[in-house]
Protein backbone atom coordinates (compact mmCIF):
# COMPACT_ATOMS: atom_id res chain seq x y z
CA MET A 1 31.81 85.23 -151.23
CA GLU A 2 28.18 85.87 -150.08
CA ALA A 3 27.11 89.00 -150.57
CA SER A 4 26.81 89.81 -146.58
CA ASP A 5 30.20 88.71 -146.30
CA THR A 6 31.81 91.12 -148.47
CA PRO A 7 33.69 93.92 -146.49
CA SER A 8 33.62 97.94 -147.29
CA ALA A 9 36.42 99.37 -149.36
CA ALA A 10 39.43 100.17 -147.08
CA PRO A 11 41.66 102.86 -147.35
CA GLN A 12 45.06 102.65 -149.10
CA SER A 13 47.41 102.19 -145.51
CA GLY A 14 45.14 99.36 -143.83
CA TRP A 15 44.93 97.40 -147.26
CA TRP A 16 48.74 97.38 -147.13
CA PHE A 17 48.71 96.35 -143.17
CA ALA A 18 45.98 93.84 -144.03
CA THR A 19 48.40 92.62 -146.83
CA PHE A 20 51.50 92.60 -144.66
CA VAL A 21 49.68 90.77 -141.85
CA ILE A 22 48.41 88.50 -143.89
CA GLY A 23 51.83 87.68 -145.24
CA VAL A 24 53.26 87.04 -142.20
CA MET A 25 50.59 84.41 -141.48
CA ALA A 26 51.07 83.07 -144.22
CA LEU A 27 55.06 82.30 -143.57
CA ILE A 28 53.85 81.15 -139.97
CA VAL A 29 51.27 78.78 -141.39
CA ALA A 30 54.23 77.62 -143.81
CA VAL A 31 56.87 77.16 -141.15
CA ILE A 32 54.08 75.13 -138.67
CA GLY A 33 53.52 72.96 -141.93
CA VAL A 34 57.06 72.08 -142.43
CA VAL A 35 57.63 71.78 -138.42
CA GLY A 36 54.63 69.25 -139.00
CA ALA A 37 56.15 67.49 -141.48
CA PHE A 38 58.75 66.62 -139.82
CA GLY A 39 57.14 66.00 -136.74
CA ARG A 40 54.88 63.33 -138.24
CA HIS A 41 57.32 61.64 -139.01
CA SER A 42 60.02 61.93 -135.55
CA SER A 43 60.32 58.79 -133.66
CA ALA A 44 57.72 56.94 -131.42
CA VAL A 45 56.52 58.67 -128.51
CA ASP A 46 56.99 56.81 -125.05
CA ALA A 47 53.67 56.03 -123.20
CA SER A 48 52.74 54.60 -119.75
CA PRO A 49 49.59 54.10 -118.05
CA THR A 50 49.40 57.73 -116.57
CA THR A 51 51.34 59.13 -119.71
CA VAL A 52 48.84 61.77 -121.48
CA ILE A 53 49.67 62.36 -125.04
CA GLU A 54 49.19 65.23 -127.18
CA VAL A 55 47.64 64.15 -130.67
CA GLN A 56 47.42 66.50 -133.66
CA LEU A 57 45.15 65.83 -136.39
CA ALA A 58 46.10 67.99 -139.86
CA ASP A 59 45.38 67.67 -143.22
CA LEU A 60 46.06 64.94 -143.97
CA TYR A 61 48.15 63.31 -141.53
CA ILE A 62 48.61 62.63 -137.37
CA THR A 63 51.07 63.78 -135.31
CA PRO A 64 52.59 61.65 -133.81
CA SER A 65 52.69 58.81 -136.49
CA SER A 66 53.51 56.19 -133.97
CA ILE A 67 53.32 55.56 -130.15
CA ASP A 68 54.48 53.10 -127.98
CA VAL A 69 52.17 51.67 -125.11
CA ALA A 70 53.30 48.93 -122.40
CA SER A 71 51.43 45.88 -122.41
CA GLY A 72 47.86 45.84 -120.62
CA ALA A 73 48.32 49.55 -120.08
CA THR A 74 45.77 52.03 -121.03
CA VAL A 75 46.76 55.78 -122.06
CA GLN A 76 45.44 59.18 -122.20
CA LEU A 77 45.27 60.83 -125.69
CA HIS A 78 44.28 64.30 -126.09
CA VAL A 79 43.08 64.69 -129.27
CA ARG A 80 43.25 68.43 -131.10
CA ASN A 81 42.01 68.88 -134.77
CA ALA A 82 44.37 71.31 -136.31
CA GLY A 83 43.24 70.87 -140.03
CA ALA A 84 40.64 72.67 -142.15
CA MET A 85 38.25 69.31 -142.15
CA ALA A 86 36.24 67.33 -139.80
CA HIS A 87 38.37 64.11 -138.55
CA ASP A 88 38.19 61.89 -135.96
CA LEU A 89 40.57 59.32 -134.38
CA LYS A 90 39.52 55.78 -133.81
CA VAL A 91 41.34 52.74 -132.59
CA GLU A 92 40.91 50.46 -135.46
CA GLY A 93 38.51 52.48 -136.97
CA THR A 94 35.97 51.31 -134.02
CA SER A 95 36.50 53.32 -130.56
CA GLY A 96 37.85 56.50 -130.44
CA THR A 97 36.76 60.09 -130.52
CA GLN A 98 33.76 62.11 -132.09
CA SER A 99 34.12 64.00 -135.25
CA LEU A 100 36.23 66.91 -134.23
CA ALA A 101 35.17 69.95 -136.53
CA PRO A 102 38.51 72.21 -136.88
CA GLY A 103 39.97 73.36 -133.86
CA THR A 104 38.24 71.30 -131.42
CA ASP A 105 39.83 68.70 -129.37
CA GLU A 106 38.77 66.24 -127.10
CA THR A 107 40.77 63.73 -124.80
CA ILE A 108 40.01 59.66 -124.65
CA THR A 109 41.07 56.89 -123.03
CA ILE A 110 42.62 53.69 -125.03
CA GLY A 111 44.13 50.31 -124.09
CA PRO A 112 44.52 48.35 -122.88
CA PHE A 113 46.30 46.24 -125.52
CA GLN A 114 48.17 43.04 -125.94
CA ALA A 115 49.65 43.39 -129.29
CA SER A 116 50.26 46.23 -131.76
CA THR A 117 47.73 47.86 -133.65
CA GLU A 118 46.87 51.12 -135.31
CA ALA A 119 43.94 54.17 -135.03
CA TRP A 120 43.20 56.27 -138.02
CA CYS A 121 40.21 58.74 -139.13
CA THR A 122 37.33 57.03 -140.32
CA VAL A 123 36.25 59.72 -142.66
CA PRO A 124 36.31 58.00 -145.96
CA GLY A 125 39.65 58.56 -147.69
CA HIS A 126 41.58 59.99 -144.93
CA LYS A 127 43.56 56.87 -143.70
CA GLN A 128 44.43 55.83 -147.24
CA ALA A 129 45.91 59.36 -147.62
CA GLY A 130 48.23 58.96 -144.27
CA MET A 131 45.77 59.45 -141.58
CA VAL A 132 47.08 56.62 -139.51
CA MET A 133 48.76 56.32 -136.08
CA ARG A 134 50.70 53.51 -135.23
CA ILE A 135 50.10 51.98 -131.73
CA ASN A 136 53.36 49.70 -130.47
CA VAL A 137 52.56 47.39 -127.64
CA THR A 138 56.22 46.75 -125.87
CA GLY A 139 56.71 43.85 -124.02
CA GLY A 140 53.55 42.05 -125.83
CA ALA A 141 52.65 39.91 -128.90
CA THR A 142 53.00 41.85 -132.02
CA ALA A 143 49.68 41.72 -134.27
CA GLY A 144 49.84 39.51 -137.23
CA GLY A 145 52.79 37.47 -136.12
CA ASP A 146 56.61 37.28 -136.95
CA ASP A 147 56.10 39.40 -140.09
CA GLY A 148 55.28 42.56 -138.20
CA ALA A 149 51.76 43.00 -139.81
CA THR A 150 49.43 45.27 -138.38
CA THR A 151 45.78 44.50 -136.66
CA GLY A 152 43.87 46.86 -139.17
CA SER A 153 45.84 47.00 -142.15
CA THR A 154 44.05 46.94 -145.36
CA THR A 155 43.64 45.27 -149.23
CA SER A 156 43.21 47.55 -151.96
CA GLY A 157 41.81 50.33 -149.59
CA SER A 158 39.10 48.66 -148.62
CA GLY A 159 39.41 49.12 -144.63
CA ASP A 160 38.56 45.56 -143.90
CA PRO A 161 40.66 42.77 -145.29
CA ALA A 162 37.61 40.36 -145.47
CA THR A 163 35.73 42.52 -147.68
CA ALA A 164 36.41 42.30 -151.57
CA ASN A 165 35.69 45.32 -153.82
CA ALA A 166 33.25 45.24 -156.91
CA THR A 167 34.21 43.46 -159.88
CA LEU A 168 33.06 44.25 -163.36
CA ASP A 169 31.07 41.75 -165.56
CA PRO A 170 32.06 43.60 -169.16
CA ALA A 171 28.89 41.02 -170.91
CA ALA A 172 26.73 42.43 -168.44
CA VAL A 173 23.37 45.04 -169.11
CA PRO A 174 21.42 47.48 -167.60
CA ALA A 175 18.00 46.33 -166.06
CA ALA A 176 15.03 46.84 -168.48
CA ASP A 177 14.29 50.57 -166.33
CA TRP A 178 18.01 51.52 -166.57
CA LYS A 179 18.03 55.35 -167.97
CA PRO A 180 21.08 56.61 -169.91
CA ARG A 181 22.32 60.13 -168.74
CA ASP A 182 20.80 62.48 -171.69
CA PRO A 183 24.24 63.65 -174.08
CA VAL A 184 22.45 66.52 -175.46
CA LEU A 185 23.98 69.75 -174.50
CA PRO A 186 21.65 72.19 -172.76
CA PRO A 187 20.78 75.51 -174.12
CA LYS A 188 22.51 78.52 -173.16
CA GLU A 189 21.38 79.93 -169.82
CA SER A 190 18.76 82.64 -170.64
CA GLY A 191 20.30 86.36 -169.81
CA THR A 192 23.42 87.67 -168.44
CA VAL A 193 23.30 86.43 -164.68
CA HIS A 194 22.71 82.95 -163.93
CA ASP A 195 21.49 81.84 -160.06
CA ILE A 196 22.36 78.29 -160.12
CA SER A 197 21.99 75.79 -156.86
CA PHE A 198 23.82 72.99 -156.14
CA ASP A 199 23.77 70.44 -153.27
CA ALA A 200 26.89 68.27 -152.43
CA THR A 201 25.37 64.90 -151.44
CA GLU A 202 26.31 61.19 -150.95
CA LYS A 203 24.09 59.14 -153.18
CA LEU A 204 24.40 55.40 -153.82
CA ILE A 205 24.31 54.93 -157.81
CA GLU A 206 24.94 52.23 -160.05
CA VAL A 207 27.76 53.12 -162.34
CA ALA A 208 27.71 49.97 -164.29
CA PRO A 209 25.54 46.90 -164.69
CA GLY A 210 24.91 45.20 -161.28
CA VAL A 211 27.61 47.77 -159.99
CA THR A 212 26.55 50.59 -157.14
CA GLN A 213 29.03 52.75 -155.52
CA MET A 214 28.21 55.48 -152.50
CA MET A 215 29.19 58.18 -155.11
CA TRP A 216 29.78 61.89 -153.64
CA THR A 217 28.13 64.23 -156.04
CA PHE A 218 26.75 67.50 -156.85
CA ASN A 219 22.93 67.61 -157.59
CA ASP A 220 22.78 63.67 -156.89
CA GLN A 221 24.61 63.25 -160.85
CA VAL A 222 27.80 61.54 -161.62
CA PRO A 223 28.58 63.90 -163.59
CA GLY A 224 26.98 67.02 -162.07
CA PRO A 225 24.90 68.98 -164.01
CA THR A 226 26.56 70.56 -167.06
CA LEU A 227 26.56 74.38 -167.25
CA HIS A 228 26.44 76.45 -170.78
CA GLY A 229 26.72 80.10 -171.41
CA LYS A 230 28.78 82.59 -173.05
CA ILE A 231 31.49 84.86 -172.75
CA GLY A 232 30.68 88.20 -169.97
CA ASP A 233 27.96 85.81 -168.44
CA THR A 234 28.25 86.04 -164.86
CA PHE A 235 27.58 82.47 -162.35
CA GLN A 236 26.48 82.80 -158.96
CA ILE A 237 26.46 78.96 -157.81
CA THR A 238 25.07 78.58 -154.36
CA LEU A 239 26.82 75.20 -152.92
CA THR A 240 24.86 73.72 -150.13
CA ASN A 241 26.32 70.74 -148.41
CA LYS A 242 23.61 68.36 -147.66
CA GLY A 243 25.84 65.12 -146.86
CA THR A 244 28.03 63.98 -144.32
CA LEU A 245 31.37 64.82 -145.41
CA GLY A 246 32.93 68.09 -146.15
CA HIS A 247 33.06 69.35 -149.51
CA SER A 248 33.63 71.88 -152.07
CA ILE A 249 33.86 73.61 -155.63
CA ASP A 250 36.13 74.91 -158.03
CA PHE A 251 35.20 76.20 -161.47
CA HIS A 252 38.02 76.11 -163.89
CA ALA A 253 36.07 78.73 -165.77
CA SER A 254 36.57 81.29 -163.23
CA LYS A 255 39.40 83.53 -162.06
CA VAL A 256 38.59 83.78 -157.91
CA ALA A 257 40.38 83.17 -154.80
CA TRP A 258 41.17 79.60 -153.97
CA SER A 259 40.55 80.27 -149.94
CA ASP A 260 37.31 81.97 -150.98
CA GLU A 261 34.89 80.31 -152.94
CA MET A 262 36.96 76.78 -153.28
CA ARG A 263 36.98 76.99 -149.30
CA THR A 264 35.72 73.09 -147.60
CA ILE A 265 32.15 73.83 -146.30
CA GLN A 266 30.99 71.38 -143.61
CA PRO A 267 27.63 69.63 -143.77
CA GLY A 268 24.71 71.93 -143.34
CA GLU A 269 26.77 74.93 -144.67
CA SER A 270 25.93 76.63 -147.75
CA LEU A 271 28.46 78.92 -149.62
CA VAL A 272 28.35 81.72 -152.87
CA TYR A 273 30.46 80.76 -155.60
CA LYS A 274 30.46 84.03 -158.18
CA PHE A 275 32.58 84.60 -160.97
CA THR A 276 31.97 86.06 -164.59
CA ALA A 277 33.23 83.77 -167.32
CA ASP A 278 35.94 86.06 -169.31
CA TYR A 279 37.07 83.21 -171.22
CA ALA A 280 36.04 80.58 -174.00
CA GLY A 281 35.93 76.63 -173.79
CA ALA A 282 34.96 73.46 -172.38
CA PHE A 283 36.01 73.48 -168.68
CA MET A 284 36.25 71.03 -165.83
CA TYR A 285 34.51 71.63 -162.52
CA HIS A 286 35.39 70.06 -159.42
CA CYS A 287 35.24 69.15 -155.61
CA GLY A 288 38.78 70.57 -154.37
CA THR A 289 38.52 69.26 -150.73
CA ALA A 290 41.56 67.20 -149.72
CA PRO A 291 42.15 64.52 -150.56
CA ALA A 292 40.80 65.82 -153.89
CA LEU A 293 41.70 62.68 -155.93
CA HIS A 294 39.21 60.80 -153.58
CA HIS A 295 36.37 63.50 -154.21
CA ILE A 296 36.67 63.79 -158.12
CA GLY A 297 37.35 60.11 -158.36
CA ASN A 298 34.36 59.44 -156.38
CA GLY A 299 31.98 61.43 -158.44
CA MET A 300 32.59 65.34 -157.58
CA TYR A 301 32.98 66.36 -160.86
CA GLY A 302 31.38 68.27 -164.14
CA ALA A 303 31.35 70.34 -167.03
CA ILE A 304 31.11 74.25 -167.66
CA ILE A 305 31.00 75.11 -171.13
CA ILE A 306 31.50 78.62 -172.32
CA ASP A 307 30.73 79.03 -175.97
CA PRO A 308 33.50 81.38 -178.26
CA PRO A 309 32.29 84.02 -179.79
CA ASN A 310 30.46 83.74 -183.45
CA LEU A 311 30.25 80.23 -182.90
CA ALA A 312 29.01 78.15 -186.14
CA LYS A 313 25.68 76.88 -186.20
CA VAL A 314 25.04 72.85 -186.02
CA ASP A 315 22.07 70.59 -186.01
CA LYS A 316 22.97 69.47 -182.48
CA GLU A 317 25.63 69.47 -179.75
CA PHE A 318 26.37 66.92 -177.54
CA VAL A 319 28.48 66.45 -174.52
CA MET A 320 31.00 63.76 -173.40
CA ILE A 321 32.52 63.67 -169.80
CA GLN A 322 35.46 61.19 -169.89
CA SER A 323 36.43 59.73 -166.27
CA GLU A 324 37.48 56.76 -164.23
CA LEU A 325 35.78 54.16 -161.53
CA TYR A 326 37.80 52.81 -159.26
CA PHE A 327 35.53 50.22 -157.35
CA GLY A 328 35.29 50.01 -153.76
CA PRO A 329 33.28 47.15 -152.23
CA LEU A 330 29.57 47.12 -153.30
CA GLY A 331 27.45 50.34 -151.84
CA GLN A 332 30.83 51.49 -150.24
CA PRO A 333 32.64 54.94 -152.10
CA GLY A 334 35.69 54.59 -154.26
CA ASP A 335 39.22 53.20 -153.43
CA LEU A 336 41.26 56.00 -152.90
CA THR A 337 44.54 53.55 -152.93
CA LYS A 338 43.43 52.59 -156.53
CA MET A 339 43.34 56.31 -157.26
CA VAL A 340 46.61 56.51 -155.91
CA ASP A 341 48.28 53.93 -157.74
CA ASN A 342 46.38 54.75 -161.24
CA LYS A 343 44.80 51.66 -161.25
CA TRP A 344 41.26 52.18 -162.62
CA ASP A 345 38.60 49.37 -162.96
CA ALA A 346 36.90 51.64 -165.87
CA VAL A 347 36.92 53.94 -168.25
CA VAL A 348 33.70 55.91 -169.04
CA PHE A 349 31.35 58.16 -170.52
CA ASN A 350 29.36 60.21 -168.72
CA GLY A 351 29.82 58.21 -165.70
CA TYR A 352 28.44 54.79 -166.75
CA HIS A 353 30.12 52.05 -168.15
CA ASN A 354 29.53 51.26 -172.12
CA GLN A 355 26.94 53.94 -171.17
CA TYR A 356 26.50 54.78 -175.46
CA LYS A 357 26.49 51.09 -176.49
CA HIS A 358 23.52 50.00 -174.21
CA SER A 359 22.17 53.15 -175.50
CA PRO A 360 23.34 54.57 -178.84
CA LEU A 361 23.06 58.18 -180.10
CA HIS A 362 20.71 58.65 -182.69
CA VAL A 363 21.30 61.00 -185.51
CA GLU A 364 21.00 61.37 -189.37
CA ALA A 365 23.33 61.26 -192.01
CA ASP A 366 25.04 64.47 -193.89
CA LYS A 367 24.21 66.97 -190.93
CA GLN A 368 26.73 68.71 -188.96
CA TYR A 369 27.19 67.75 -185.16
CA ARG A 370 29.55 69.01 -182.75
CA MET A 371 30.19 67.30 -179.93
CA TRP A 372 32.11 68.74 -176.61
CA VAL A 373 34.60 66.32 -174.67
CA VAL A 374 36.19 67.25 -171.36
CA ASP A 375 38.32 64.94 -169.94
CA ASP A 376 37.58 65.33 -165.93
CA GLY A 377 40.04 62.04 -165.01
CA PRO A 378 41.24 62.27 -162.26
CA ASN A 379 44.12 60.47 -163.43
CA GLU A 380 43.94 59.05 -167.59
CA ASN A 381 44.40 61.14 -170.91
CA SER A 382 41.65 61.08 -173.78
CA ALA A 383 42.19 60.76 -177.39
CA PHE A 384 38.42 61.22 -178.44
CA HIS A 385 37.50 59.51 -182.03
CA ILE A 386 34.78 58.12 -183.73
CA VAL A 387 34.96 55.50 -186.58
CA GLY A 388 34.28 56.54 -189.81
CA THR A 389 34.25 59.88 -190.11
CA ILE A 390 36.93 62.63 -189.86
CA PHE A 391 36.72 65.83 -187.65
CA ASP A 392 36.43 68.96 -190.21
CA THR A 393 36.84 71.38 -187.33
CA VAL A 394 38.78 71.07 -183.97
CA PHE A 395 38.61 73.52 -180.80
CA LYS A 396 40.69 72.63 -177.95
CA GLU A 397 41.71 74.44 -175.32
CA GLY A 398 40.11 77.81 -175.97
CA ALA A 399 41.66 77.84 -179.58
CA TYR A 400 40.72 76.37 -183.30
CA GLN A 401 43.18 73.80 -184.03
CA LEU A 402 41.67 72.97 -187.51
CA GLN A 403 38.55 74.99 -189.13
CA PRO A 404 37.11 74.33 -192.71
CA ASP A 405 39.58 76.08 -195.68
CA GLU A 406 41.11 75.69 -198.71
CA THR A 407 43.44 73.25 -197.41
CA HIS A 408 40.79 70.55 -197.04
CA GLY A 409 42.20 69.71 -193.52
CA GLY A 410 40.85 66.93 -191.28
CA SER A 411 41.52 65.73 -188.14
CA GLN A 412 41.04 61.78 -186.67
CA VAL A 413 41.52 62.68 -183.02
CA LEU A 414 41.11 65.18 -179.95
CA ASP A 415 43.69 64.65 -177.49
CA LEU A 416 43.09 65.49 -174.18
CA GLN A 417 45.01 65.36 -170.78
CA PRO A 418 42.83 65.13 -167.61
CA ALA A 419 40.96 68.60 -166.96
CA GLN A 420 41.55 69.74 -170.56
CA GLY A 421 38.47 70.25 -172.84
CA GLY A 422 37.27 71.01 -176.14
CA PHE A 423 35.07 70.41 -179.17
CA VAL A 424 34.97 68.60 -182.79
CA GLU A 425 32.44 68.76 -185.44
CA PHE A 426 31.51 65.81 -187.84
CA SER A 427 29.10 64.39 -190.09
CA PHE A 428 28.24 61.08 -191.39
CA ALA A 429 28.08 59.86 -195.35
CA GLU A 430 25.67 57.38 -194.59
CA ASP A 431 23.87 55.58 -192.57
CA GLY A 432 25.08 52.61 -190.04
CA LEU A 433 26.55 52.43 -186.57
CA TYR A 434 29.41 54.47 -186.15
CA PRO A 435 31.50 53.76 -182.70
CA PHE A 436 33.35 56.49 -181.08
CA VAL A 437 35.90 55.39 -178.44
CA THR A 438 39.19 56.78 -176.46
CA HIS A 439 41.83 55.50 -179.10
CA LYS A 440 43.84 54.45 -176.04
CA PHE A 441 42.67 51.26 -176.92
CA SER A 442 43.61 49.46 -173.97
CA ASN A 443 40.30 51.55 -172.40
CA VAL A 444 37.82 50.86 -174.76
CA GLY A 445 37.42 47.13 -173.24
CA LYS A 446 37.04 49.16 -170.16
CA GLY A 447 33.74 51.02 -170.95
CA ALA A 448 35.01 53.68 -173.00
CA LEU A 449 33.05 52.68 -175.91
CA GLY A 450 29.68 54.14 -177.59
CA PHE A 451 28.06 54.33 -180.88
CA PHE A 452 26.34 56.69 -183.35
CA ALA A 453 23.13 55.02 -185.13
CA VAL A 454 22.89 57.10 -188.06
CA GLY A 455 19.51 56.96 -189.97
CA ASP A 456 17.35 53.49 -190.38
CA VAL A 457 19.68 51.03 -188.64
CA ASP A 458 19.49 47.97 -186.86
CA THR A 459 21.07 48.32 -183.41
CA SER A 460 20.19 44.61 -181.49
CA ALA A 461 23.52 43.62 -182.28
CA LEU A 462 25.12 45.96 -179.59
CA GLY A 463 22.70 43.87 -177.31
CA GLY A 464 21.35 47.08 -175.48
CA HIS A 465 18.51 49.12 -174.73
């Protein structure tokens, strides 16, 4: 919460009354939500050329979900945005309302219609999430022929049946000027209070050789910047929305109210997300704006590392963030329908297909290394494994699973579900190439592959830089 928004302390009785009022309001909102959920599945609304139909846009549905319009007729829609995000309503995604801020409304005239069609919210991802209203034309033709297919139906979430999603060439290599993401863990922030600026942006980014997507980002990066601190540090993150969509942020390392710091802000707005790191771990952060699956799946995620006390010294620390890519058309956002259906095109480390195969990590034998791993998903698990070595230390979800002792125990995999994190420590016995993968091998060929180049070793066989 921004300092200027912080209320002064209230008397105990005022606090009790405010709590009671908030509880009543929450109950009312819940009841309205239930009613709205039933309403959007109700029968179609009959419409004539003089009818004004009340249409409600919400997060993420439209009420009513269908209307009937006589062939050749026009109809007026009074469209109100009852959601917490900006929405619009456009027939076949082209003509309709302007972008409506929460709580605003607009009356539009649509038609005349000769065939059934659809209107939807054109904010990326909202149509696929369910913000579609069917327009049934009575007494006329059915769009799409006898099978009842509707005009405006989509393939693979692209929004245009004629537009194909991007495809991956597993044999392709990056251009000569391509730069990999530096996987080295940044040093801890100095001091105990850290003022950090994050910008929410939408940026065209190459995610695999020859494949560009309009990614939604923090600070023009996918993943977002890695933050590093210790227990007791206070982080003050100023998030500014410099994009065209509503965005938010959620740090899993924090204990704050979802309705405050994690609220969605519109383009041009800012908020301050303040928290104290009370727990150690490798935590995810991400945009939580609905549909959160689309915002995370399209790039708005990152990691914050909070060191446990008395962390052993190592020669170097790295960070690997595993995630999936769901390609939309070239230059467009990722495909939400694929995300919902778990149909990823690639599983990657630090945002790029086979990144550390193209640019292996150079280290030395007989030195100790630590790899922090966070599975930011949004959907797939990780089984992080380095071929040719054994982990002597494993730290997962805030606790040590293995440390060197007289039992000489060793670990082969750090297993993580989406939004889990930890680290492993290891060394290499001799010079050579050592692959690292997720040991769910169906994903290795989809981009979850990198290499350590230990010592003086020829890397030309990898075909990278």
